[in-house]
Amino acid sequence: MLVRSSDQGLHWKFVSMIAVNADVGTEGFCEPDLVRLSQGEHAEKLLCYMRTGKEIFWCESTDEGVTWSSPKSEQFGIVDVNDSAQWESFFADTVPSRDSGFISDLFGAFVDPTLIEMQNGVLACAFGLRIPHKLCWDNPTHERNGNYVAFSLDQGAN
């Protein structure tokens, strides 16, 4: 939700719901980060990035946060966090096999988004990638585990 203060945080007023929990991941929408674009074609637009325990979603508002677009998934083009076949072999010693009748969730997760507009108008989003989302700590050797920064030259469109 978006709340706003006009007295330096002494009192807060509810403005709107940014996103409503849906079946988006293990945690619903959490850890939001909000930026107001200051330049270019989309000056004054608000962007909000949120993690879900699996993917990062974003919403936008063009009316000071009164209304928001529907949440959209952001994949960043690094890896499909839903395609466990890409990394399953890295965790063969840690994860029970499919033949055993049990296998842990092997989906990956984008986590901890932080969004900022730089002085030149480039939008930067720092985030983490965990493969798989919880077992990455048992075997952190997957080449893509880590922290990343993605840059958008068109105010978040790409």
Protein backbone atom coordinates (compact mmCIF):
# COMPACT_ATOMS: atom_id res chain seq x y z
CA MET A 1 0.00 0.00 0.00
CA LEU A 2 1.01 3.59 -0.45
CA VAL A 3 0.76 6.02 2.45
CA ARG A 4 1.81 9.66 2.42
CA SER A 5 2.78 12.19 5.08
CA SER A 6 2.57 15.97 4.74
CA ASP A 7 4.12 16.67 8.16
CA GLN A 8 7.48 14.88 7.98
CA GLY A 9 6.13 11.55 9.17
CA LEU A 10 4.12 12.59 12.23
CA HIS A 11 0.86 11.51 10.58
CA TRP A 12 0.19 9.26 7.63
CA LYS A 13 -2.70 9.06 5.18
CA PHE A 14 -3.63 6.00 3.16
CA VAL A 15 -3.44 6.75 -0.59
CA SER A 16 -3.92 3.42 -2.37
CA MET A 17 -3.19 -0.27 -2.64
CA ILE A 18 -0.27 -0.77 -5.02
CA ALA A 19 -0.73 -4.52 -5.47
CA VAL A 20 -3.00 -7.08 -3.90
CA ASN A 21 -1.61 -10.48 -2.97
CA ALA A 22 -2.41 -13.09 -5.56
CA ASP A 23 -0.88 -16.46 -6.26
CA VAL A 24 2.48 -14.89 -7.09
CA GLY A 25 4.93 -16.76 -4.88
CA THR A 26 5.66 -18.00 -1.44
CA GLU A 27 5.46 -14.62 0.29
CA GLY A 28 3.04 -12.43 -1.65
CA PHE A 29 4.17 -8.93 -2.58
CA CYS A 30 6.82 -7.70 -0.13
CA GLU A 31 9.92 -5.51 0.19
CA PRO A 32 8.70 -2.83 -2.21
CA ASP A 33 10.94 -0.10 -3.55
CA LEU A 34 9.47 3.01 -5.11
CA VAL A 35 10.96 5.63 -7.43
CA ARG A 36 9.53 8.75 -9.04
CA LEU A 37 10.96 9.30 -12.51
CA SER A 38 12.20 12.85 -12.90
CA GLN A 39 13.13 13.07 -16.56
CA GLY A 40 12.06 12.24 -20.07
CA GLU A 41 8.78 11.11 -21.53
CA HIS A 42 7.64 9.51 -18.25
CA ALA A 43 8.63 12.26 -15.81
CA GLU A 44 6.54 12.10 -12.60
CA LYS A 45 5.57 8.45 -13.15
CA LEU A 46 5.90 6.29 -10.01
CA LEU A 47 7.41 2.82 -10.37
CA CYS A 48 7.22 0.23 -7.61
CA TYR A 49 9.22 -3.02 -7.68
CA MET A 50 8.30 -5.82 -5.24
CA ARG A 51 9.61 -9.31 -4.60
CA THR A 52 7.39 -12.32 -3.98
CA GLY A 53 9.76 -15.03 -2.77
CA LYS A 54 10.17 -16.09 -6.39
CA GLU A 55 9.86 -13.29 -8.92
CA ILE A 56 10.05 -9.53 -8.94
CA PHE A 57 6.91 -7.70 -10.03
CA TRP A 58 6.40 -4.04 -10.85
CA CYS A 59 3.50 -1.61 -11.00
CA GLU A 60 3.33 1.96 -12.25
CA SER A 61 1.22 4.99 -11.47
CA THR A 62 0.77 8.13 -13.53
CA ASP A 63 -1.56 9.91 -11.07
CA GLU A 64 0.59 10.38 -7.94
CA GLY A 65 -0.14 6.85 -6.72
CA VAL A 66 -3.93 7.09 -6.63
CA THR A 67 -4.23 4.20 -9.10
CA TRP A 68 -1.71 1.54 -10.17
CA SER A 69 -1.27 -0.76 -13.14
CA SER A 70 -1.72 -4.48 -12.63
CA PRO A 71 1.47 -6.17 -11.36
CA LYS A 72 3.77 -7.43 -14.11
CA SER A 73 6.61 -9.93 -13.70
CA GLU A 74 10.16 -8.72 -14.42
CA GLN A 75 12.64 -11.41 -15.50
CA PHE A 76 15.72 -9.27 -16.27
CA GLY A 77 16.81 -11.69 -19.03
CA ILE A 78 19.41 -13.49 -16.89
CA VAL A 79 17.69 -16.79 -16.27
CA ASP A 80 14.15 -18.12 -16.13
CA VAL A 81 13.66 -18.67 -12.39
CA ASN A 82 10.87 -21.16 -13.16
CA ASP A 83 12.99 -23.47 -15.37
CA SER A 84 14.72 -25.74 -12.85
CA ALA A 85 16.07 -28.02 -15.63
CA GLN A 86 18.72 -25.35 -16.22
CA TRP A 87 20.38 -25.89 -12.84
CA GLU A 88 19.02 -29.14 -11.35
CA SER A 89 22.31 -31.00 -11.98
CA PHE A 90 24.22 -28.51 -9.79
CA PHE A 91 22.27 -29.77 -6.77
CA ALA A 92 22.21 -33.54 -7.40
CA ASP A 93 23.95 -34.24 -4.07
CA THR A 94 21.68 -31.95 -2.05
CA VAL A 95 18.19 -32.49 -3.44
CA PRO A 96 16.31 -35.80 -3.21
CA SER A 97 15.83 -37.27 -6.67
CA ARG A 98 12.54 -37.28 -8.51
CA ASP A 99 12.63 -41.09 -8.29
CA SER A 100 12.44 -40.94 -4.49
CA GLY A 101 8.95 -39.44 -4.74
CA PHE A 102 10.05 -36.17 -3.16
CA ILE A 103 11.92 -33.25 -4.56
CA SER A 104 12.37 -29.86 -2.95
CA ASP A 105 11.19 -26.80 -4.74
CA LEU A 106 13.93 -26.11 -7.23
CA PHE A 107 12.65 -22.86 -8.66
CA GLY A 108 14.97 -19.92 -8.47
CA ALA A 109 14.18 -16.57 -6.97
CA PHE A 110 14.86 -12.94 -7.69
CA VAL A 111 15.13 -11.13 -4.34
CA ASP A 112 15.66 -7.77 -2.68
CA PRO A 113 14.98 -5.24 -5.45
CA THR A 114 16.37 -1.74 -5.01
CA LEU A 115 15.43 0.87 -7.59
CA ILE A 116 17.02 4.26 -8.30
CA GLU A 117 16.98 6.79 -11.10
CA MET A 118 20.47 8.11 -11.76
CA GLN A 119 21.16 11.78 -12.56
CA ASN A 120 21.32 11.04 -16.30
CA GLY A 121 17.85 9.41 -16.25
CA VAL A 122 19.10 5.82 -16.42
CA LEU A 123 17.03 3.56 -14.15
CA ALA A 124 19.08 1.07 -12.13
CA CYS A 125 17.67 -1.94 -10.29
CA ALA A 126 19.89 -3.94 -7.94
CA PHE A 127 18.64 -7.43 -7.04
CA GLY A 128 19.78 -10.86 -5.97
CA LEU A 129 19.41 -14.18 -7.77
CA ARG A 130 19.16 -17.39 -5.75
CA ILE A 131 19.24 -20.79 -7.47
CA PRO A 132 17.44 -22.65 -6.05
CA HIS A 133 15.69 -20.17 -3.83
CA LYS A 134 16.50 -21.83 -0.48
CA LEU A 135 18.99 -24.59 -1.26
CA CYS A 136 21.38 -22.05 -2.72
CA TRP A 137 22.93 -21.77 0.74
CA ASP A 138 23.67 -25.54 0.83
CA ASN A 139 25.47 -25.39 -2.51
CA PRO A 140 26.15 -21.78 -3.52
CA THR A 141 28.37 -22.77 -6.46
CA HIS A 142 25.87 -22.13 -9.23
CA GLU A 143 27.53 -19.62 -11.52
CA ARG A 144 24.58 -17.24 -11.53
CA ASN A 145 23.95 -16.99 -7.77
CA GLY A 146 24.76 -13.51 -6.57
CA ASN A 147 23.84 -9.89 -6.77
CA TYR A 148 23.20 -7.97 -9.97
CA VAL A 149 22.44 -4.50 -11.25
CA ALA A 150 20.22 -4.07 -14.31
CA PHE A 151 20.08 -0.78 -16.19
CA SER A 152 17.19 0.60 -18.22
CA LEU A 153 17.87 3.34 -20.74
CA ASP A 154 14.15 3.85 -21.43
CA GLN A 155 12.76 4.49 -17.93
CA GLY A 156 11.98 0.87 -17.12
CA ALA A 157 10.33 -0.22 -20.38
CA ASN A 158 13.27 -2.59 -21.08
